[in-house]
Amino acid sequence: MTARNKGTHSQFLKVVFDVLPSSREAFIGLLESVQADLPTVPGCLGVRIFAHDDTPNRFTLIEEWDDRDLHQTHINGMVKSGAWTKIEAMLSQPPESQYLTPFEAV
């Protein structure tokens, strides 16, 4: 994740994915692509991916964006291209997502 000038704050997004056991290996491959490719998307400042120790088919992404609009533009493009539908087919339930603000910005 990146350092920002005082007074300017990026937007963080937490996304939790619960993956179907039968899709776990394919989803891990997808996450490897996300880790390499997402930071090249305009407005994305970085991504960290976490595997849950107690739930092997749950993964959490923490993404950092310049702002929400750039993230929404990215998601809208994924929906339009059909990429999001392919991701949803690997999941046991819809992903949980939440925008976060760094504590020092509150």
N, C-alpha and C. Protein backbone atom coordinates (compact mmCIF):
# COMPACT_ATOMS: atom_id res chain seq x y z
N MET A 1 0.84 -1.16 0.00
CA MET A 1 0.00 0.00 0.00
C MET A 1 0.90 1.24 0.00
N THR A 2 0.34 2.35 -0.35
CA THR A 2 1.17 3.52 -0.60
C THR A 2 1.02 4.56 0.50
N ALA A 3 2.02 5.43 0.59
CA ALA A 3 1.95 6.57 1.50
C ALA A 3 1.36 7.74 0.73
N ARG A 4 0.54 8.52 1.39
CA ARG A 4 -0.12 9.67 0.75
C ARG A 4 0.30 10.94 1.49
N ASN A 5 0.15 12.07 0.81
CA ASN A 5 0.40 13.35 1.45
C ASN A 5 -0.62 13.58 2.55
N LYS A 6 -0.18 14.26 3.61
CA LYS A 6 -1.09 14.56 4.71
C LYS A 6 -2.27 15.36 4.17
N GLY A 7 -3.47 14.98 4.56
CA GLY A 7 -4.68 15.67 4.11
C GLY A 7 -5.32 15.00 2.91
N THR A 8 -4.61 14.09 2.26
CA THR A 8 -5.21 13.34 1.15
C THR A 8 -5.26 11.88 1.56
N HIS A 9 -6.39 11.27 1.35
CA HIS A 9 -6.57 9.89 1.79
C HIS A 9 -7.15 9.05 0.67
N SER A 10 -6.53 7.92 0.47
CA SER A 10 -7.05 6.99 -0.51
C SER A 10 -8.24 6.26 0.09
N GLN A 11 -8.93 5.52 -0.75
CA GLN A 11 -10.11 4.75 -0.34
C GLN A 11 -9.71 3.28 -0.31
N PHE A 12 -10.01 2.62 0.80
CA PHE A 12 -9.74 1.20 0.92
C PHE A 12 -11.04 0.43 0.76
N LEU A 13 -10.90 -0.77 0.25
CA LEU A 13 -12.05 -1.65 0.06
C LEU A 13 -11.67 -3.03 0.57
N LYS A 14 -12.51 -3.59 1.41
CA LYS A 14 -12.33 -4.97 1.88
C LYS A 14 -13.38 -5.82 1.20
N VAL A 15 -12.94 -6.92 0.56
CA VAL A 15 -13.86 -7.84 -0.10
C VAL A 15 -13.56 -9.25 0.42
N VAL A 16 -14.61 -9.93 0.91
CA VAL A 16 -14.47 -11.29 1.42
C VAL A 16 -15.19 -12.23 0.46
N PHE A 17 -14.46 -13.23 0.00
CA PHE A 17 -15.00 -14.22 -0.93
C PHE A 17 -15.06 -15.59 -0.24
N ASP A 18 -16.21 -16.24 -0.31
CA ASP A 18 -16.36 -17.63 0.12
C ASP A 18 -16.48 -18.47 -1.14
N VAL A 19 -15.49 -19.31 -1.34
CA VAL A 19 -15.33 -20.04 -2.59
C VAL A 19 -15.87 -21.47 -2.46
N LEU A 20 -16.52 -21.93 -3.51
CA LEU A 20 -16.95 -23.33 -3.55
C LEU A 20 -15.72 -24.24 -3.49
N PRO A 21 -15.78 -25.31 -2.70
CA PRO A 21 -14.61 -26.21 -2.63
C PRO A 21 -14.15 -26.69 -4.00
N SER A 22 -15.07 -26.94 -4.89
CA SER A 22 -14.72 -27.42 -6.23
C SER A 22 -14.05 -26.35 -7.09
N SER A 23 -14.14 -25.09 -6.68
CA SER A 23 -13.56 -23.98 -7.45
C SER A 23 -12.32 -23.39 -6.80
N ARG A 24 -11.90 -23.98 -5.69
CA ARG A 24 -10.80 -23.39 -4.91
C ARG A 24 -9.53 -23.19 -5.73
N GLU A 25 -9.08 -24.21 -6.42
CA GLU A 25 -7.83 -24.10 -7.19
C GLU A 25 -7.94 -23.07 -8.30
N ALA A 26 -9.06 -23.05 -8.99
CA ALA A 26 -9.26 -22.05 -10.05
C ALA A 26 -9.30 -20.64 -9.46
N PHE A 27 -9.92 -20.50 -8.29
CA PHE A 27 -10.00 -19.19 -7.66
C PHE A 27 -8.62 -18.72 -7.22
N ILE A 28 -7.80 -19.63 -6.70
CA ILE A 28 -6.44 -19.27 -6.32
C ILE A 28 -5.67 -18.77 -7.55
N GLY A 29 -5.86 -19.42 -8.68
CA GLY A 29 -5.25 -18.94 -9.92
C GLY A 29 -5.71 -17.54 -10.29
N LEU A 30 -7.00 -17.30 -10.10
CA LEU A 30 -7.56 -15.97 -10.35
C LEU A 30 -6.92 -14.94 -9.42
N LEU A 31 -6.77 -15.30 -8.14
CA LEU A 31 -6.16 -14.37 -7.18
C LEU A 31 -4.72 -14.03 -7.56
N GLU A 32 -4.00 -15.00 -8.08
CA GLU A 32 -2.63 -14.72 -8.53
C GLU A 32 -2.64 -13.69 -9.65
N SER A 33 -3.60 -13.79 -10.55
CA SER A 33 -3.74 -12.79 -11.62
C SER A 33 -4.13 -11.43 -11.06
N VAL A 34 -5.06 -11.44 -10.11
CA VAL A 34 -5.50 -10.18 -9.49
C VAL A 34 -4.32 -9.48 -8.82
N GLN A 35 -3.51 -10.24 -8.11
CA GLN A 35 -2.37 -9.65 -7.40
C GLN A 35 -1.40 -8.98 -8.37
N ALA A 36 -1.23 -9.56 -9.54
CA ALA A 36 -0.32 -8.99 -10.54
C ALA A 36 -0.97 -7.87 -11.35
N ASP A 37 -2.24 -8.05 -11.72
CA ASP A 37 -2.87 -7.15 -12.69
C ASP A 37 -3.63 -5.97 -12.09
N LEU A 38 -4.27 -6.18 -10.93
CA LEU A 38 -5.11 -5.10 -10.39
C LEU A 38 -4.33 -3.80 -10.15
N PRO A 39 -3.10 -3.85 -9.64
CA PRO A 39 -2.38 -2.59 -9.44
C PRO A 39 -2.08 -1.82 -10.72
N THR A 40 -2.28 -2.44 -11.89
CA THR A 40 -2.07 -1.72 -13.16
C THR A 40 -3.34 -1.02 -13.64
N VAL A 41 -4.46 -1.26 -12.96
CA VAL A 41 -5.73 -0.63 -13.32
C VAL A 41 -5.69 0.84 -12.88
N PRO A 42 -6.10 1.77 -13.74
CA PRO A 42 -6.09 3.18 -13.34
C PRO A 42 -6.84 3.42 -12.03
N GLY A 43 -6.14 4.05 -11.10
CA GLY A 43 -6.74 4.37 -9.80
C GLY A 43 -6.44 3.37 -8.71
N CYS A 44 -6.00 2.16 -9.07
CA CYS A 44 -5.69 1.17 -8.04
C CYS A 44 -4.26 1.40 -7.55
N LEU A 45 -4.11 1.56 -6.25
CA LEU A 45 -2.80 1.82 -5.66
C LEU A 45 -2.17 0.56 -5.09
N GLY A 46 -2.94 -0.51 -4.96
CA GLY A 46 -2.39 -1.76 -4.45
C GLY A 46 -3.47 -2.69 -3.97
N VAL A 47 -3.07 -3.94 -3.75
CA VAL A 47 -3.99 -4.96 -3.25
C VAL A 47 -3.19 -5.92 -2.38
N ARG A 48 -3.78 -6.33 -1.27
CA ARG A 48 -3.24 -7.39 -0.42
C ARG A 48 -4.30 -8.48 -0.38
N ILE A 49 -3.86 -9.73 -0.47
CA ILE A 49 -4.77 -10.86 -0.48
C ILE A 49 -4.43 -11.75 0.71
N PHE A 50 -5.48 -12.14 1.44
CA PHE A 50 -5.32 -12.95 2.64
C PHE A 50 -6.14 -14.22 2.52
N ALA A 51 -5.55 -15.34 2.94
CA ALA A 51 -6.28 -16.59 3.09
C ALA A 51 -6.64 -16.70 4.57
N HIS A 52 -7.84 -17.18 4.85
CA HIS A 52 -8.29 -17.33 6.24
C HIS A 52 -7.77 -18.65 6.79
N ASP A 53 -7.11 -18.59 7.92
CA ASP A 53 -6.54 -19.79 8.53
C ASP A 53 -7.61 -20.78 8.97
N ASP A 54 -8.72 -20.27 9.47
CA ASP A 54 -9.75 -21.15 10.03
C ASP A 54 -10.83 -21.55 9.03
N THR A 55 -10.84 -20.92 7.86
CA THR A 55 -11.82 -21.23 6.83
C THR A 55 -11.08 -21.30 5.50
N PRO A 56 -10.67 -22.49 5.08
CA PRO A 56 -9.75 -22.61 3.94
C PRO A 56 -10.30 -22.11 2.60
N ASN A 57 -11.60 -21.98 2.46
CA ASN A 57 -12.17 -21.51 1.19
C ASN A 57 -12.62 -20.06 1.27
N ARG A 58 -12.10 -19.32 2.24
CA ARG A 58 -12.42 -17.89 2.38
C ARG A 58 -11.16 -17.08 2.15
N PHE A 59 -11.31 -16.03 1.34
CA PHE A 59 -10.20 -15.15 1.01
C PHE A 59 -10.67 -13.70 1.16
N THR A 60 -9.77 -12.86 1.63
CA THR A 60 -10.08 -11.44 1.79
C THR A 60 -9.09 -10.61 0.98
N LEU A 61 -9.62 -9.67 0.23
CA LEU A 61 -8.79 -8.70 -0.48
C LEU A 61 -8.94 -7.36 0.21
N ILE A 62 -7.83 -6.67 0.39
CA ILE A 62 -7.83 -5.28 0.82
C ILE A 62 -7.23 -4.50 -0.33
N GLU A 63 -8.07 -3.71 -0.97
CA GLU A 63 -7.65 -2.93 -2.14
C GLU A 63 -7.54 -1.46 -1.73
N GLU A 64 -6.58 -0.77 -2.33
CA GLU A 64 -6.43 0.67 -2.11
C GLU A 64 -6.63 1.38 -3.44
N TRP A 65 -7.53 2.35 -3.43
CA TRP A 65 -7.90 3.09 -4.63
C TRP A 65 -7.76 4.59 -4.39
N ASP A 66 -7.52 5.32 -5.48
CA ASP A 66 -7.50 6.78 -5.38
C ASP A 66 -8.84 7.29 -4.87
N ASP A 67 -9.93 6.69 -5.37
CA ASP A 67 -11.27 7.06 -4.89
C ASP A 67 -12.28 6.00 -5.31
N ARG A 68 -13.48 6.09 -4.75
CA ARG A 68 -14.54 5.10 -5.02
C ARG A 68 -14.96 5.08 -6.48
N ASP A 69 -15.01 6.24 -7.10
CA ASP A 69 -15.46 6.31 -8.50
C ASP A 69 -14.58 5.47 -9.41
N LEU A 70 -13.27 5.51 -9.19
CA LEU A 70 -12.37 4.72 -10.02
C LEU A 70 -12.57 3.23 -9.77
N HIS A 71 -12.83 2.86 -8.54
CA HIS A 71 -13.13 1.46 -8.24
C HIS A 71 -14.43 1.05 -8.93
N GLN A 72 -15.46 1.87 -8.84
CA GLN A 72 -16.74 1.55 -9.46
C GLN A 72 -16.62 1.43 -10.98
N THR A 73 -15.79 2.28 -11.58
CA THR A 73 -15.54 2.19 -13.02
C THR A 73 -14.93 0.84 -13.36
N HIS A 74 -13.99 0.40 -12.54
CA HIS A 74 -13.36 -0.91 -12.75
C HIS A 74 -14.39 -2.03 -12.63
N ILE A 75 -15.21 -2.01 -11.58
CA ILE A 75 -16.22 -3.06 -11.37
C ILE A 75 -17.23 -3.05 -12.51
N ASN A 76 -17.69 -1.88 -12.91
CA ASN A 76 -18.65 -1.79 -14.01
C ASN A 76 -18.08 -2.41 -15.29
N GLY A 77 -16.79 -2.22 -15.52
CA GLY A 77 -16.16 -2.83 -16.68
C GLY A 77 -16.12 -4.35 -16.57
N MET A 78 -15.89 -4.86 -15.36
CA MET A 78 -15.88 -6.31 -15.15
C MET A 78 -17.28 -6.90 -15.37
N VAL A 79 -18.30 -6.20 -14.92
CA VAL A 79 -19.68 -6.67 -15.11
C VAL A 79 -20.00 -6.68 -16.60
N LYS A 80 -19.67 -5.60 -17.27
CA LYS A 80 -19.98 -5.48 -18.70
C LYS A 80 -19.27 -6.55 -19.53
N SER A 81 -18.04 -6.89 -19.16
CA SER A 81 -17.27 -7.87 -19.92
C SER A 81 -17.66 -9.32 -19.61
N GLY A 82 -18.41 -9.52 -18.53
CA GLY A 82 -18.78 -10.87 -18.12
C GLY A 82 -17.80 -11.50 -17.14
N ALA A 83 -16.71 -10.81 -16.83
CA ALA A 83 -15.71 -11.34 -15.90
C ALA A 83 -16.29 -11.54 -14.50
N TRP A 84 -17.16 -10.61 -14.08
CA TRP A 84 -17.73 -10.72 -12.73
C TRP A 84 -18.64 -11.95 -12.62
N THR A 85 -19.37 -12.27 -13.66
CA THR A 85 -20.23 -13.46 -13.66
C THR A 85 -19.40 -14.72 -13.48
N LYS A 86 -18.23 -14.78 -14.11
CA LYS A 86 -17.34 -15.93 -13.96
C LYS A 86 -16.84 -16.06 -12.52
N ILE A 87 -16.56 -14.94 -11.89
CA ILE A 87 -16.12 -14.97 -10.49
C ILE A 87 -17.27 -15.46 -9.60
N GLU A 88 -18.45 -14.90 -9.80
CA GLU A 88 -19.61 -15.30 -8.97
C GLU A 88 -19.90 -16.79 -9.07
N ALA A 89 -19.64 -17.39 -10.23
CA ALA A 89 -19.90 -18.82 -10.41
C ALA A 89 -18.99 -19.68 -9.53
N MET A 90 -17.88 -19.12 -9.05
CA MET A 90 -16.95 -19.85 -8.19
C MET A 90 -17.28 -19.72 -6.71
N LEU A 91 -18.28 -18.91 -6.38
CA LEU A 91 -18.55 -18.57 -4.98
C LEU A 91 -19.74 -19.33 -4.42
N SER A 92 -19.69 -19.58 -3.12
CA SER A 92 -20.80 -20.24 -2.44
C SER A 92 -21.86 -19.25 -1.99
N GLN A 93 -21.51 -17.97 -1.99
CA GLN A 93 -22.44 -16.89 -1.65
C GLN A 93 -21.88 -15.59 -2.21
N PRO A 94 -22.71 -14.55 -2.33
CA PRO A 94 -22.19 -13.28 -2.85
C PRO A 94 -21.06 -12.75 -1.96
N PRO A 95 -20.08 -12.09 -2.56
CA PRO A 95 -18.99 -11.53 -1.74
C PRO A 95 -19.50 -10.41 -0.85
N GLU A 96 -18.84 -10.25 0.28
CA GLU A 96 -19.13 -9.14 1.18
C GLU A 96 -18.10 -8.06 0.91
N SER A 97 -18.55 -6.85 0.64
CA SER A 97 -17.59 -5.77 0.42
C SER A 97 -17.93 -4.58 1.29
N GLN A 98 -16.90 -3.84 1.63
CA GLN A 98 -17.05 -2.71 2.54
C GLN A 98 -15.94 -1.71 2.27
N TYR A 99 -16.32 -0.44 2.08
CA TYR A 99 -15.32 0.63 1.97
C TYR A 99 -14.85 1.00 3.35
N LEU A 100 -13.56 1.30 3.46
CA LEU A 100 -12.95 1.63 4.74
C LEU A 100 -12.17 2.95 4.62
N THR A 101 -12.15 3.69 5.70
CA THR A 101 -11.39 4.94 5.77
C THR A 101 -10.30 4.75 6.81
N PRO A 102 -9.06 5.10 6.49
CA PRO A 102 -8.00 4.99 7.50
C PRO A 102 -8.37 5.78 8.75
N PHE A 103 -8.06 5.24 9.89
CA PHE A 103 -8.43 5.86 11.16
C PHE A 103 -7.97 7.30 11.27
N GLU A 104 -6.75 7.58 10.80
CA GLU A 104 -6.21 8.94 10.92
C GLU A 104 -7.00 9.95 10.08
N ALA A 105 -7.83 9.45 9.14
CA ALA A 105 -8.61 10.34 8.29
C ALA A 105 -9.99 10.62 8.87
N VAL A 106 -10.34 9.93 9.94
CA VAL A 106 -11.68 10.06 10.52
C VAL A 106 -11.77 11.34 11.33
